[in-house]
């Protein structure tokens, strides 16, 4: 019973191979005389075509944006007496990592105030992918007067 299936498959493969090897069709008309074109690259590209003239604008699809430099926040030299906010986005095991960071900070820098944002603002323990959600988490972090924020994005 399997032999007819093999014969059918081999036959179909052979037919598709032969169909793909057919010679290309000959062109039906001779190509027209080449059109002389000029391209000027400034802010726009002008390409004269026949009697009508067209204006083209080059657009970079890469989405390159103009980057303006910003001044970085001053770096802290010690965590003594500082407020450390731990931010978890709800991904698996991220809270385990941050809980361990909290334990280490409590052992090594007892004067540091450690706040787990997902406990004080439970909705922050979610992946924030909207402007409103991000603004809410940012506002909550600012209200806590954080000196430093440590975030975890684990899986």
C-alpha atoms as a PDB file:
ATOM      1  CA  UNK A   1       0.000   0.000   0.000  1.00  0.00           C
ATOM      2  CA  UNK A   2       2.899   2.394   0.641  1.00  0.00           C
ATOM      3  CA  UNK A   3       4.518   1.841  -2.754  1.00  0.00           C
ATOM      4  CA  UNK A   4       1.817   3.740  -4.724  1.00  0.00           C
ATOM      5  CA  UNK A   5       2.318   6.711  -2.370  1.00  0.00           C
ATOM      6  CA  UNK A   6       6.061   6.741  -3.047  1.00  0.00           C
ATOM      7  CA  UNK A   7       5.452   6.528  -6.788  1.00  0.00           C
ATOM      8  CA  UNK A   8       3.000   9.431  -6.570  1.00  0.00           C
ATOM      9  CA  UNK A   9       5.415  11.583  -4.550  1.00  0.00           C
ATOM     10  CA  UNK A  10       8.349  10.847  -6.860  1.00  0.00           C
ATOM     11  CA  UNK A  11       6.159  11.581  -9.889  1.00  0.00           C
ATOM     12  CA  UNK A  12       5.061  14.940  -8.452  1.00  0.00           C
ATOM     13  CA  UNK A  13       8.629  15.893  -7.606  1.00  0.00           C
ATOM     14  CA  UNK A  14       9.785  15.015 -11.125  1.00  0.00           C
ATOM     15  CA  UNK A  15       6.930  16.998 -12.702  1.00  0.00           C
ATOM     16  CA  UNK A  16       7.701  20.064 -10.587  1.00  0.00           C
ATOM     17  CA  UNK A  17      11.398  19.789 -11.442  1.00  0.00           C
ATOM     18  CA  UNK A  18      10.679  19.570 -15.167  1.00  0.00           C
ATOM     19  CA  UNK A  19       8.227  22.483 -14.978  1.00  0.00           C
ATOM     20  CA  UNK A  20      10.859  24.604 -13.236  1.00  0.00           C
ATOM     21  CA  UNK A  21      13.443  23.843 -15.922  1.00  0.00           C
ATOM     22  CA  UNK A  22      11.339  25.110 -18.837  1.00  0.00           C
ATOM     23  CA  UNK A  23      13.038  27.772 -20.977  1.00  0.00           C
ATOM     24  CA  UNK A  24      12.103  31.374 -20.309  1.00  0.00           C
ATOM     25  CA  UNK A  25       9.636  33.038 -22.630  1.00  0.00           C
ATOM     26  CA  UNK A  26      11.165  35.270 -25.302  1.00  0.00           C
ATOM     27  CA  UNK A  27      10.473  39.003 -24.995  1.00  0.00           C
ATOM     28  CA  UNK A  28       7.615  40.138 -27.208  1.00  0.00           C
ATOM     29  CA  UNK A  29       8.834  43.639 -28.024  1.00  0.00           C
ATOM     30  CA  UNK A  30      12.214  45.239 -28.396  1.00  0.00           C
ATOM     31  CA  UNK A  31      13.199  47.396 -25.427  1.00  0.00           C
ATOM     32  CA  UNK A  32      12.569  51.101 -25.833  1.00  0.00           C
ATOM     33  CA  UNK A  33      15.437  53.504 -26.179  1.00  0.00           C
ATOM     34  CA  UNK A  34      17.014  54.258 -22.794  1.00  0.00           C
ATOM     35  CA  UNK A  35      15.561  57.292 -21.040  1.00  0.00           C
ATOM     36  CA  UNK A  36      18.146  59.742 -19.852  1.00  0.00           C
ATOM     37  CA  UNK A  37      17.551  60.512 -16.188  1.00  0.00           C
ATOM     38  CA  UNK A  38      19.255  62.873 -13.800  1.00  0.00           C
ATOM     39  CA  UNK A  39      19.181  62.490 -10.061  1.00  0.00           C
ATOM     40  CA  UNK A  40      19.993  65.398  -7.762  1.00  0.00           C
ATOM     41  CA  UNK A  41      20.306  64.462  -4.093  1.00  0.00           C
ATOM     42  CA  UNK A  42      19.743  67.330  -1.730  1.00  0.00           C
ATOM     43  CA  UNK A  43      16.648  67.364   0.399  1.00  0.00           C
ATOM     44  CA  UNK A  44      14.570  66.137  -2.515  1.00  0.00           C
ATOM     45  CA  UNK A  45      15.284  64.041  -5.596  1.00  0.00           C
ATOM     46  CA  UNK A  46      14.149  65.292  -8.971  1.00  0.00           C
ATOM     47  CA  UNK A  47      13.814  62.787 -11.779  1.00  0.00           C
ATOM     48  CA  UNK A  48      12.569  64.184 -15.081  1.00  0.00           C
ATOM     49  CA  UNK A  49      10.354  61.666 -16.869  1.00  0.00           C
ATOM     50  CA  UNK A  50       9.250  62.487 -20.410  1.00  0.00           C
ATOM     51  CA  UNK A  51       7.677  65.929 -20.520  1.00  0.00           C
ATOM     52  CA  UNK A  52       6.267  65.765 -16.977  1.00  0.00           C
ATOM     53  CA  UNK A  53       8.586  66.351 -14.050  1.00  0.00           C
ATOM     54  CA  UNK A  54       8.204  64.554 -10.734  1.00  0.00           C
ATOM     55  CA  UNK A  55       9.632  65.500  -7.349  1.00  0.00           C
ATOM     56  CA  UNK A  56      10.586  62.764  -4.922  1.00  0.00           C
ATOM     57  CA  UNK A  57      11.449  63.063  -1.241  1.00  0.00           C
ATOM     58  CA  UNK A  58      13.895  60.536   0.181  1.00  0.00           C
ATOM     59  CA  UNK A  59      12.689  59.031   3.427  1.00  0.00           C
ATOM     60  CA  UNK A  60      14.936  56.887   5.582  1.00  0.00           C
ATOM     61  CA  UNK A  61      12.934  53.837   6.682  1.00  0.00           C
ATOM     62  CA  UNK A  62      15.341  53.176   9.555  1.00  0.00           C
ATOM     63  CA  UNK A  63      13.570  55.751  11.704  1.00  0.00           C
ATOM     64  CA  UNK A  64      16.737  57.623  12.615  1.00  0.00           C
ATOM     65  CA  UNK A  65      16.058  60.350  15.118  1.00  0.00           C
ATOM     66  CA  UNK A  66      18.090  63.338  16.033  1.00  0.00           C
ATOM     67  CA  UNK A  67      19.714  62.633  19.378  1.00  0.00           C
ATOM     68  CA  UNK A  68      20.143  65.528  21.747  1.00  0.00           C
ATOM     69  CA  UNK A  69      22.670  65.076  24.538  1.00  0.00           C
ATOM     70  CA  UNK A  70      21.414  65.247  28.115  1.00  0.00           C
ATOM     71  CA  UNK A  71      23.234  65.743  31.359  1.00  0.00           C
ATOM     72  CA  UNK A  72      23.443  62.570  33.429  1.00  0.00           C
ATOM     73  CA  UNK A  73      22.397  62.530  37.056  1.00  0.00           C
ATOM     74  CA  UNK A  74      25.284  62.695  39.512  1.00  0.00           C
ATOM     75  CA  UNK A  75      26.399  59.247  40.664  1.00  0.00           C
ATOM     76  CA  UNK A  76      26.068  58.381  44.322  1.00  0.00           C
ATOM     77  CA  UNK A  77      29.199  57.169  46.069  1.00  0.00           C
ATOM     78  CA  UNK A  78      27.571  55.325  48.975  1.00  0.00           C
ATOM     79  CA  UNK A  79      24.238  53.786  49.871  1.00  0.00           C
ATOM     80  CA  UNK A  80      24.545  54.793  53.543  1.00  0.00           C
ATOM     81  CA  UNK A  81      21.298  56.541  54.536  1.00  0.00           C
ATOM     82  CA  UNK A  82      19.933  56.385  50.976  1.00  0.00           C
ATOM     83  CA  UNK A  83      16.498  55.228  49.837  1.00  0.00           C
ATOM     84  CA  UNK A  84      16.718  52.248  47.477  1.00  0.00           C
ATOM     85  CA  UNK A  85      13.568  51.347  45.536  1.00  0.00           C
ATOM     86  CA  UNK A  86      13.404  47.849  44.096  1.00  0.00           C
ATOM     87  CA  UNK A  87      11.224  47.616  40.953  1.00  0.00           C
ATOM     88  CA  UNK A  88       9.904  44.296  39.661  1.00  0.00           C
ATOM     89  CA  UNK A  89       7.917  44.029  36.423  1.00  0.00           C
ATOM     90  CA  UNK A  90       6.225  40.734  37.258  1.00  0.00           C
ATOM     91  CA  UNK A  91       8.416  38.433  35.194  1.00  0.00           C
ATOM     92  CA  UNK A  92       9.206  35.013  36.621  1.00  0.00           C
ATOM     93  CA  UNK A  93      11.959  34.975  39.316  1.00  0.00           C
ATOM     94  CA  UNK A  94      12.550  38.732  39.192  1.00  0.00           C
ATOM     95  CA  UNK A  95      11.137  39.095  42.693  1.00  0.00           C
ATOM     96  CA  UNK A  96      13.476  36.342  43.959  1.00  0.00           C
ATOM     97  CA  UNK A  97      16.448  38.304  42.640  1.00  0.00           C
ATOM     98  CA  UNK A  98      15.251  41.566  44.198  1.00  0.00           C
ATOM     99  CA  UNK A  99      14.416  39.910  47.524  1.00  0.00           C
ATOM    100  CA  UNK A 100      18.014  38.657  47.664  1.00  0.00           C
ATOM    101  CA  UNK A 101      19.270  42.171  46.851  1.00  0.00           C
ATOM    102  CA  UNK A 102      17.129  43.479  49.756  1.00  0.00           C
ATOM    103  CA  UNK A 103      18.634  40.870  52.106  1.00  0.00           C
ATOM    104  CA  UNK A 104      22.183  41.764  51.072  1.00  0.00           C
ATOM    105  CA  UNK A 105      21.507  45.489  51.484  1.00  0.00           C
ATOM    106  CA  UNK A 106      20.035  44.901  54.969  1.00  0.00           C
ATOM    107  CA  UNK A 107      23.144  42.903  55.962  1.00  0.00           C
ATOM    108  CA  UNK A 108      25.820  45.130  54.447  1.00  0.00           C
ATOM    109  CA  UNK A 109      24.245  48.607  54.623  1.00  0.00           C
ATOM    110  CA  UNK A 110      21.769  48.648  57.514  1.00  0.00           C
ATOM    111  CA  UNK A 111      21.177  52.415  57.255  1.00  0.00           C
ATOM    112  CA  UNK A 112      19.829  52.153  53.717  1.00  0.00           C
ATOM    113  CA  UNK A 113      16.059  52.262  53.436  1.00  0.00           C
ATOM    114  CA  UNK A 114      14.899  49.513  51.030  1.00  0.00           C
ATOM    115  CA  UNK A 115      11.410  49.772  49.520  1.00  0.00           C
ATOM    116  CA  UNK A 116       9.924  47.000  47.380  1.00  0.00           C
ATOM    117  CA  UNK A 117       7.754  48.898  44.910  1.00  0.00           C
ATOM    118  CA  UNK A 118       5.627  45.846  44.073  1.00  0.00           C
ATOM    119  CA  UNK A 119       4.537  45.678  47.726  1.00  0.00           C
ATOM    120  CA  UNK A 120       3.725  49.377  48.112  1.00  0.00           C
ATOM    121  CA  UNK A 121       2.178  49.650  44.616  1.00  0.00           C
ATOM    122  CA  UNK A 122       1.014  46.135  43.580  1.00  0.00           C
ATOM    123  CA  UNK A 123       0.000  47.187  40.049  1.00  0.00           C
ATOM    124  CA  UNK A 124       3.631  48.092  39.364  1.00  0.00           C
ATOM    125  CA  UNK A 125       4.417  44.357  39.317  1.00  0.00           C
ATOM    126  CA  UNK A 126       3.264  44.123  35.730  1.00  0.00           C
ATOM    127  CA  UNK A 127       4.902  44.759  32.421  1.00  0.00           C
ATOM    128  CA  UNK A 128       4.206  48.431  31.807  1.00  0.00           C
ATOM    129  CA  UNK A 129       3.624  48.942  28.098  1.00  0.00           C
ATOM    130  CA  UNK A 130       1.431  52.030  28.095  1.00  0.00           C
ATOM    131  CA  UNK A 131       2.321  55.650  28.656  1.00  0.00           C
ATOM    132  CA  UNK A 132      -0.222  55.928  31.491  1.00  0.00           C
ATOM    133  CA  UNK A 133       1.120  52.848  33.267  1.00  0.00           C
ATOM    134  CA  UNK A 134       4.693  54.032  32.962  1.00  0.00           C
ATOM    135  CA  UNK A 135       3.726  57.496  34.236  1.00  0.00           C
ATOM    136  CA  UNK A 136       2.015  55.947  37.279  1.00  0.00           C
ATOM    137  CA  UNK A 137       5.052  53.812  38.161  1.00  0.00           C
ATOM    138  CA  UNK A 138       7.390  56.768  37.617  1.00  0.00           C
ATOM    139  CA  UNK A 139       5.225  59.023  39.816  1.00  0.00           C
ATOM    140  CA  UNK A 140       5.132  56.398  42.583  1.00  0.00           C
ATOM    141  CA  UNK A 141       8.920  56.105  42.444  1.00  0.00           C
ATOM    142  CA  UNK A 142       9.310  59.883  42.631  1.00  0.00           C
ATOM    143  CA  UNK A 143       6.882  60.108  45.565  1.00  0.00           C
ATOM    144  CA  UNK A 144       9.071  57.658  47.489  1.00  0.00           C
ATOM    145  CA  UNK A 145      12.030  60.047  47.046  1.00  0.00           C
ATOM    146  CA  UNK A 146      14.255  57.264  45.725  1.00  0.00           C
ATOM    147  CA  UNK A 147      17.982  57.911  45.580  1.00  0.00           C
ATOM    148  CA  UNK A 148      18.458  54.847  43.394  1.00  0.00           C
ATOM    149  CA  UNK A 149      16.125  52.380  41.668  1.00  0.00           C
ATOM    150  CA  UNK A 150      17.168  48.800  41.001  1.00  0.00           C
ATOM    151  CA  UNK A 151      14.946  47.031  38.493  1.00  0.00           C
ATOM    152  CA  UNK A 152      14.767  43.367  37.597  1.00  0.00           C
ATOM    153  CA  UNK A 153      13.602  41.963  34.282  1.00  0.00           C
ATOM    154  CA  UNK A 154      13.974  38.219  34.645  1.00  0.00           C
ATOM    155  CA  UNK A 155      12.486  35.166  33.040  1.00  0.00           C
END
